[in-house]
Amino acid sequence: MVGRTGRRYGVILATLAVLTLLGARPGNAQFDAGIPVGSKAPAVVINDLEGAPVDVGKLFGAKPVLLEFWATWCSICKALLPQLEAVKNTYGDRVTLLGVNVTVNDSKARIRRYLDQHKPPFRVLFDDKGVGARGFDVPATSFIVIVDPSGKVAYTGSGEQQDLVGAVRKVLGRP
């Protein structure tokens, strides 16, 4: 017999899978779902993989913050890794990169194996309570949010065909 929690996670997993497939269409940058561009980014606290709380709101205000809401099983997330690496290589410490794992069908052990194999360029947060996903109104995995230095959402996107280097460049005020 499947308990209430098992059914709930099954529904969440199925919903995320469908939304991921819907969001996988090419050219889905500046996504229309999720937290609206121009809104104040929520100051949420999400644990890292070691269980230490990270106050994401304290990261807003100094420099842009790029968040990717991702999962180890998300093929679009894996496809975005070169773009995220390009952001890191182009802008270095002028932008903060955070990978917020949505924890659907992911465990800390599975995430650590993924990190060892793929070496994503972001600090990993483990959103097991869903506060990040709810706060940013995340519609699907591979959802990107860029928060400008003033703490406002400057960009949202989904899908493989995003220009993340260009989006960060624009947020930094460079042509």
C-alpha atoms as a PDB file:
ATOM      1  CA  MET A   1       0.000   0.000   0.000  1.00  0.00           C
ATOM      2  CA  VAL A   2       1.315   3.463  -0.917  1.00  0.00           C
ATOM      3  CA  GLY A   3       1.005   6.028   1.835  1.00  0.00           C
ATOM      4  CA  ARG A   4      -0.156   9.597   1.488  1.00  0.00           C
ATOM      5  CA  THR A   5       3.439  10.857   1.286  1.00  0.00           C
ATOM      6  CA  GLY A   6       4.295   8.367  -1.475  1.00  0.00           C
ATOM      7  CA  ARG A   7       1.266   9.424  -3.512  1.00  0.00           C
ATOM      8  CA  ARG A   8       2.088  13.100  -3.011  1.00  0.00           C
ATOM      9  CA  TYR A   9       5.657  12.654  -4.239  1.00  0.00           C
ATOM     10  CA  GLY A  10       4.387  10.559  -7.142  1.00  0.00           C
ATOM     11  CA  VAL A  11       2.049  13.371  -8.174  1.00  0.00           C
ATOM     12  CA  ILE A  12       4.834  15.932  -7.777  1.00  0.00           C
ATOM     13  CA  LEU A  13       7.233  13.815  -9.841  1.00  0.00           C
ATOM     14  CA  ALA A  14       4.672  13.279 -12.594  1.00  0.00           C
ATOM     15  CA  THR A  15       3.810  16.991 -12.654  1.00  0.00           C
ATOM     16  CA  LEU A  16       7.474  18.016 -12.842  1.00  0.00           C
ATOM     17  CA  ALA A  17       8.105  15.499 -15.621  1.00  0.00           C
ATOM     18  CA  VAL A  18       5.207  16.847 -17.698  1.00  0.00           C
ATOM     19  CA  LEU A  19       6.173  20.454 -17.035  1.00  0.00           C
ATOM     20  CA  THR A  20       9.791  19.708 -17.909  1.00  0.00           C
ATOM     21  CA  LEU A  21       8.699  18.210 -21.217  1.00  0.00           C
ATOM     22  CA  LEU A  22       6.464  21.193 -21.913  1.00  0.00           C
ATOM     23  CA  GLY A  23       9.275  23.580 -21.002  1.00  0.00           C
ATOM     24  CA  ALA A  24      11.752  21.727 -23.213  1.00  0.00           C
ATOM     25  CA  ARG A  25      10.711  23.470 -26.388  1.00  0.00           C
ATOM     26  CA  PRO A  26      13.587  25.343 -28.078  1.00  0.00           C
ATOM     27  CA  GLY A  27      13.742  29.066 -27.501  1.00  0.00           C
ATOM     28  CA  ASN A  28      11.964  29.056 -24.168  1.00  0.00           C
ATOM     29  CA  ALA A  29      14.098  31.826 -22.693  1.00  0.00           C
ATOM     30  CA  GLN A  30      12.276  34.560 -20.748  1.00  0.00           C
ATOM     31  CA  PHE A  31       9.781  32.012 -19.516  1.00  0.00           C
ATOM     32  CA  ASP A  32       6.224  33.224 -18.899  1.00  0.00           C
ATOM     33  CA  ALA A  33       5.609  30.903 -15.933  1.00  0.00           C
ATOM     34  CA  GLY A  34       7.196  31.133 -12.509  1.00  0.00           C
ATOM     35  CA  ILE A  35       8.164  34.204 -10.544  1.00  0.00           C
ATOM     36  CA  PRO A  36       7.536  37.336 -12.627  1.00  0.00           C
ATOM     37  CA  VAL A  37      10.452  39.337 -13.985  1.00  0.00           C
ATOM     38  CA  GLY A  38      10.663  42.615 -12.072  1.00  0.00           C
ATOM     39  CA  SER A  39       9.407  41.182  -8.793  1.00  0.00           C
ATOM     40  CA  LYS A  40      11.438  41.198  -5.592  1.00  0.00           C
ATOM     41  CA  ALA A  41      13.285  37.911  -5.173  1.00  0.00           C
ATOM     42  CA  PRO A  42      12.164  36.009  -2.076  1.00  0.00           C
ATOM     43  CA  ALA A  43      14.609  35.755   0.820  1.00  0.00           C
ATOM     44  CA  VAL A  44      14.371  32.013   1.398  1.00  0.00           C
ATOM     45  CA  VAL A  45      16.562  29.772   3.546  1.00  0.00           C
ATOM     46  CA  ILE A  46      17.543  26.462   1.926  1.00  0.00           C
ATOM     47  CA  ASN A  47      19.931  23.883   3.354  1.00  0.00           C
ATOM     48  CA  ASP A  48      23.099  22.849   1.569  1.00  0.00           C
ATOM     49  CA  LEU A  49      24.026  19.182   1.129  1.00  0.00           C
ATOM     50  CA  GLU A  50      25.572  19.072   4.611  1.00  0.00           C
ATOM     51  CA  GLY A  51      22.342  20.364   6.162  1.00  0.00           C
ATOM     52  CA  ALA A  52      23.619  23.869   6.914  1.00  0.00           C
ATOM     53  CA  PRO A  53      21.058  26.609   6.265  1.00  0.00           C
ATOM     54  CA  VAL A  54      21.892  29.085   3.488  1.00  0.00           C
ATOM     55  CA  ASP A  55      20.051  32.406   3.631  1.00  0.00           C
ATOM     56  CA  VAL A  56      19.708  33.061  -0.090  1.00  0.00           C
ATOM     57  CA  GLY A  57      18.282  36.520   0.616  1.00  0.00           C
ATOM     58  CA  LYS A  58      21.618  37.603   2.092  1.00  0.00           C
ATOM     59  CA  LEU A  59      23.245  36.893  -1.279  1.00  0.00           C
ATOM     60  CA  PHE A  60      21.038  39.461  -3.013  1.00  0.00           C
ATOM     61  CA  GLY A  61      22.240  43.030  -3.225  1.00  0.00           C
ATOM     62  CA  ALA A  62      25.957  42.765  -3.941  1.00  0.00           C
ATOM     63  CA  LYS A  63      26.056  41.084  -7.356  1.00  0.00           C
ATOM     64  CA  PRO A  64      23.786  39.091  -9.648  1.00  0.00           C
ATOM     65  CA  VAL A  65      22.697  35.652  -8.464  1.00  0.00           C
ATOM     66  CA  LEU A  66      21.879  32.951 -11.012  1.00  0.00           C
ATOM     67  CA  LEU A  67      19.771  30.105  -9.652  1.00  0.00           C
ATOM     68  CA  GLU A  68      19.014  26.920 -11.527  1.00  0.00           C
ATOM     69  CA  PHE A  69      16.270  24.694 -10.127  1.00  0.00           C
ATOM     70  CA  TRP A  70      17.476  21.271 -11.215  1.00  0.00           C
ATOM     71  CA  ALA A  71      17.500  17.522 -10.660  1.00  0.00           C
ATOM     72  CA  THR A  72      20.036  14.810 -11.452  1.00  0.00           C
ATOM     73  CA  TRP A  73      17.578  13.084 -13.806  1.00  0.00           C
ATOM     74  CA  CYS A  74      16.781  16.242 -15.801  1.00  0.00           C
ATOM     75  CA  SER A  75      18.267  16.018 -19.301  1.00  0.00           C
ATOM     76  CA  ILE A  76      17.702  19.730 -19.944  1.00  0.00           C
ATOM     77  CA  CYS A  77      19.588  20.544 -16.737  1.00  0.00           C
ATOM     78  CA  LYS A  78      22.510  18.455 -17.957  1.00  0.00           C
ATOM     79  CA  ALA A  79      22.352  20.175 -21.356  1.00  0.00           C
ATOM     80  CA  LEU A  80      22.631  23.591 -19.629  1.00  0.00           C
ATOM     81  CA  LEU A  81      25.886  22.678 -17.852  1.00  0.00           C
ATOM     82  CA  PRO A  82      28.122  24.091 -20.631  1.00  0.00           C
ATOM     83  CA  GLN A  83      26.199  27.372 -20.514  1.00  0.00           C
ATOM     84  CA  LEU A  84      26.552  27.565 -16.738  1.00  0.00           C
ATOM     85  CA  GLU A  85      30.263  26.802 -17.074  1.00  0.00           C
ATOM     86  CA  ALA A  86      30.519  29.599 -19.662  1.00  0.00           C
ATOM     87  CA  VAL A  87      28.883  32.013 -17.200  1.00  0.00           C
ATOM     88  CA  LYS A  88      31.413  30.999 -14.544  1.00  0.00           C
ATOM     89  CA  ASN A  89      34.349  31.281 -16.963  1.00  0.00           C
ATOM     90  CA  THR A  90      33.198  34.634 -18.351  1.00  0.00           C
ATOM     91  CA  TYR A  91      32.165  36.386 -15.136  1.00  0.00           C
ATOM     92  CA  GLY A  92      33.927  34.466 -12.347  1.00  0.00           C
ATOM     93  CA  ASP A  93      33.148  35.902  -8.942  1.00  0.00           C
ATOM     94  CA  ARG A  94      31.103  38.800 -10.382  1.00  0.00           C
ATOM     95  CA  VAL A  95      28.058  36.485 -10.292  1.00  0.00           C
ATOM     96  CA  THR A  96      26.922  33.915  -7.718  1.00  0.00           C
ATOM     97  CA  LEU A  97      25.802  30.567  -9.160  1.00  0.00           C
ATOM     98  CA  LEU A  98      23.417  28.403  -7.133  1.00  0.00           C
ATOM     99  CA  GLY A  99      22.006  25.036  -8.135  1.00  0.00           C
ATOM    100  CA  VAL A 100      18.841  24.403  -6.152  1.00  0.00           C
ATOM    101  CA  ASN A 101      18.092  20.685  -6.319  1.00  0.00           C
ATOM    102  CA  VAL A 102      14.325  20.182  -6.216  1.00  0.00           C
ATOM    103  CA  THR A 103      14.874  16.794  -4.463  1.00  0.00           C
ATOM    104  CA  VAL A 104      12.151  14.980  -6.417  1.00  0.00           C
ATOM    105  CA  ASN A 105      13.490  11.442  -6.856  1.00  0.00           C
ATOM    106  CA  ASP A 106      16.935  12.643  -5.722  1.00  0.00           C
ATOM    107  CA  SER A 107      18.851  11.791  -2.586  1.00  0.00           C
ATOM    108  CA  LYS A 108      21.946  13.458  -1.198  1.00  0.00           C
ATOM    109  CA  ALA A 109      23.983  10.379  -2.179  1.00  0.00           C
ATOM    110  CA  ARG A 110      22.674  10.500  -5.757  1.00  0.00           C
ATOM    111  CA  ILE A 111      23.421  14.231  -5.950  1.00  0.00           C
ATOM    112  CA  ARG A 112      26.973  13.699  -4.685  1.00  0.00           C
ATOM    113  CA  ARG A 113      27.546  11.036  -7.367  1.00  0.00           C
ATOM    114  CA  TYR A 114      26.206  13.454  -9.995  1.00  0.00           C
ATOM    115  CA  LEU A 115      28.497  16.215  -8.709  1.00  0.00           C
ATOM    116  CA  ASP A 116      31.524  13.907  -8.875  1.00  0.00           C
ATOM    117  CA  GLN A 117      30.688  12.909 -12.435  1.00  0.00           C
ATOM    118  CA  HIS A 118      29.502  16.210 -13.966  1.00  0.00           C
ATOM    119  CA  LYS A 119      31.152  18.858 -11.769  1.00  0.00           C
ATOM    120  CA  PRO A 120      28.546  21.625 -12.191  1.00  0.00           C
ATOM    121  CA  PRO A 121      29.882  25.138 -11.584  1.00  0.00           C
ATOM    122  CA  PHE A 122      27.360  26.060  -8.900  1.00  0.00           C
ATOM    123  CA  ARG A 123      26.977  25.702  -5.156  1.00  0.00           C
ATOM    124  CA  VAL A 124      24.341  23.041  -4.514  1.00  0.00           C
ATOM    125  CA  LEU A 125      21.369  23.621  -2.240  1.00  0.00           C
ATOM    126  CA  PHE A 126      19.005  20.786  -1.260  1.00  0.00           C
ATOM    127  CA  ASP A 127      15.423  22.085  -1.340  1.00  0.00           C
ATOM    128  CA  ASP A 128      13.865  19.140   0.520  1.00  0.00           C
ATOM    129  CA  LYS A 129      11.269  21.373   2.169  1.00  0.00           C
ATOM    130  CA  GLY A 130      10.336  23.055  -1.129  1.00  0.00           C
ATOM    131  CA  VAL A 131      10.788  26.605   0.166  1.00  0.00           C
ATOM    132  CA  GLY A 132      12.867  27.636  -2.850  1.00  0.00           C
ATOM    133  CA  ALA A 133      10.529  26.022  -5.365  1.00  0.00           C
ATOM    134  CA  ARG A 134       7.503  27.673  -3.724  1.00  0.00           C
ATOM    135  CA  GLY A 135       9.214  31.028  -3.194  1.00  0.00           C
ATOM    136  CA  PHE A 136      10.299  31.304  -6.823  1.00  0.00           C
ATOM    137  CA  ASP A 137       7.088  29.666  -8.115  1.00  0.00           C
ATOM    138  CA  VAL A 138       9.160  27.094 -10.005  1.00  0.00           C
ATOM    139  CA  PRO A 139       7.116  25.575 -12.855  1.00  0.00           C
ATOM    140  CA  ALA A 140       9.617  22.868 -13.921  1.00  0.00           C
ATOM    141  CA  THR A 141      13.171  21.649 -13.586  1.00  0.00           C
ATOM    142  CA  SER A 142      15.833  23.497 -15.543  1.00  0.00           C
ATOM    143  CA  PHE A 143      14.146  26.740 -14.475  1.00  0.00           C
ATOM    144  CA  ILE A 144      16.686  29.579 -14.424  1.00  0.00           C
ATOM    145  CA  VAL A 145      16.244  32.761 -12.383  1.00  0.00           C
ATOM    146  CA  ILE A 146      18.711  35.640 -12.450  1.00  0.00           C
ATOM    147  CA  VAL A 147      18.375  38.173  -9.648  1.00  0.00           C
ATOM    148  CA  ASP A 148      19.999  41.552 -10.264  1.00  0.00           C
ATOM    149  CA  PRO A 149      22.172  43.345  -7.681  1.00  0.00           C
ATOM    150  CA  SER A 150      19.140  45.262  -6.386  1.00  0.00           C
ATOM    151  CA  GLY A 151      17.378  41.993  -5.474  1.00  0.00           C
ATOM    152  CA  LYS A 152      14.841  42.015  -8.312  1.00  0.00           C
ATOM    153  CA  VAL A 153      14.208  39.139 -10.702  1.00  0.00           C
ATOM    154  CA  ALA A 154      15.817  40.243 -13.967  1.00  0.00           C
ATOM    155  CA  TYR A 155      15.477  37.035 -16.010  1.00  0.00           C
ATOM    156  CA  THR A 156      13.672  33.717 -15.988  1.00  0.00           C
ATOM    157  CA  GLY A 157      14.066  30.967 -18.537  1.00  0.00           C
ATOM    158  CA  SER A 158      13.612  27.318 -19.256  1.00  0.00           C
ATOM    159  CA  GLY A 159      14.862  24.954 -21.906  1.00  0.00           C
ATOM    160  CA  GLU A 160      18.176  24.298 -23.606  1.00  0.00           C
ATOM    161  CA  GLN A 161      18.152  27.293 -25.957  1.00  0.00           C
ATOM    162  CA  GLN A 162      18.936  30.038 -23.454  1.00  0.00           C
ATOM    163  CA  ASP A 163      21.787  32.527 -23.725  1.00  0.00           C
ATOM    164  CA  LEU A 164      22.810  32.611 -20.067  1.00  0.00           C
ATOM    165  CA  VAL A 165      26.071  34.494 -20.704  1.00  0.00           C
ATOM    166  CA  GLY A 166      24.069  37.150 -22.565  1.00  0.00           C
ATOM    167  CA  ALA A 167      21.443  37.297 -19.834  1.00  0.00           C
ATOM    168  CA  VAL A 168      24.102  37.834 -17.138  1.00  0.00           C
ATOM    169  CA  ARG A 169      25.860  40.395 -19.361  1.00  0.00           C
ATOM    170  CA  LYS A 170      22.604  42.350 -19.621  1.00  0.00           C
ATOM    171  CA  VAL A 171      22.038  42.195 -15.849  1.00  0.00           C
ATOM    172  CA  LEU A 172      25.584  43.480 -15.308  1.00  0.00           C
ATOM    173  CA  GLY A 173      24.769  46.410 -17.639  1.00  0.00           C
ATOM    174  CA  ARG A 174      27.224  45.436 -20.345  1.00  0.00           C
ATOM    175  CA  PRO A 175      26.312  45.491 -24.045  1.00  0.00           C
END
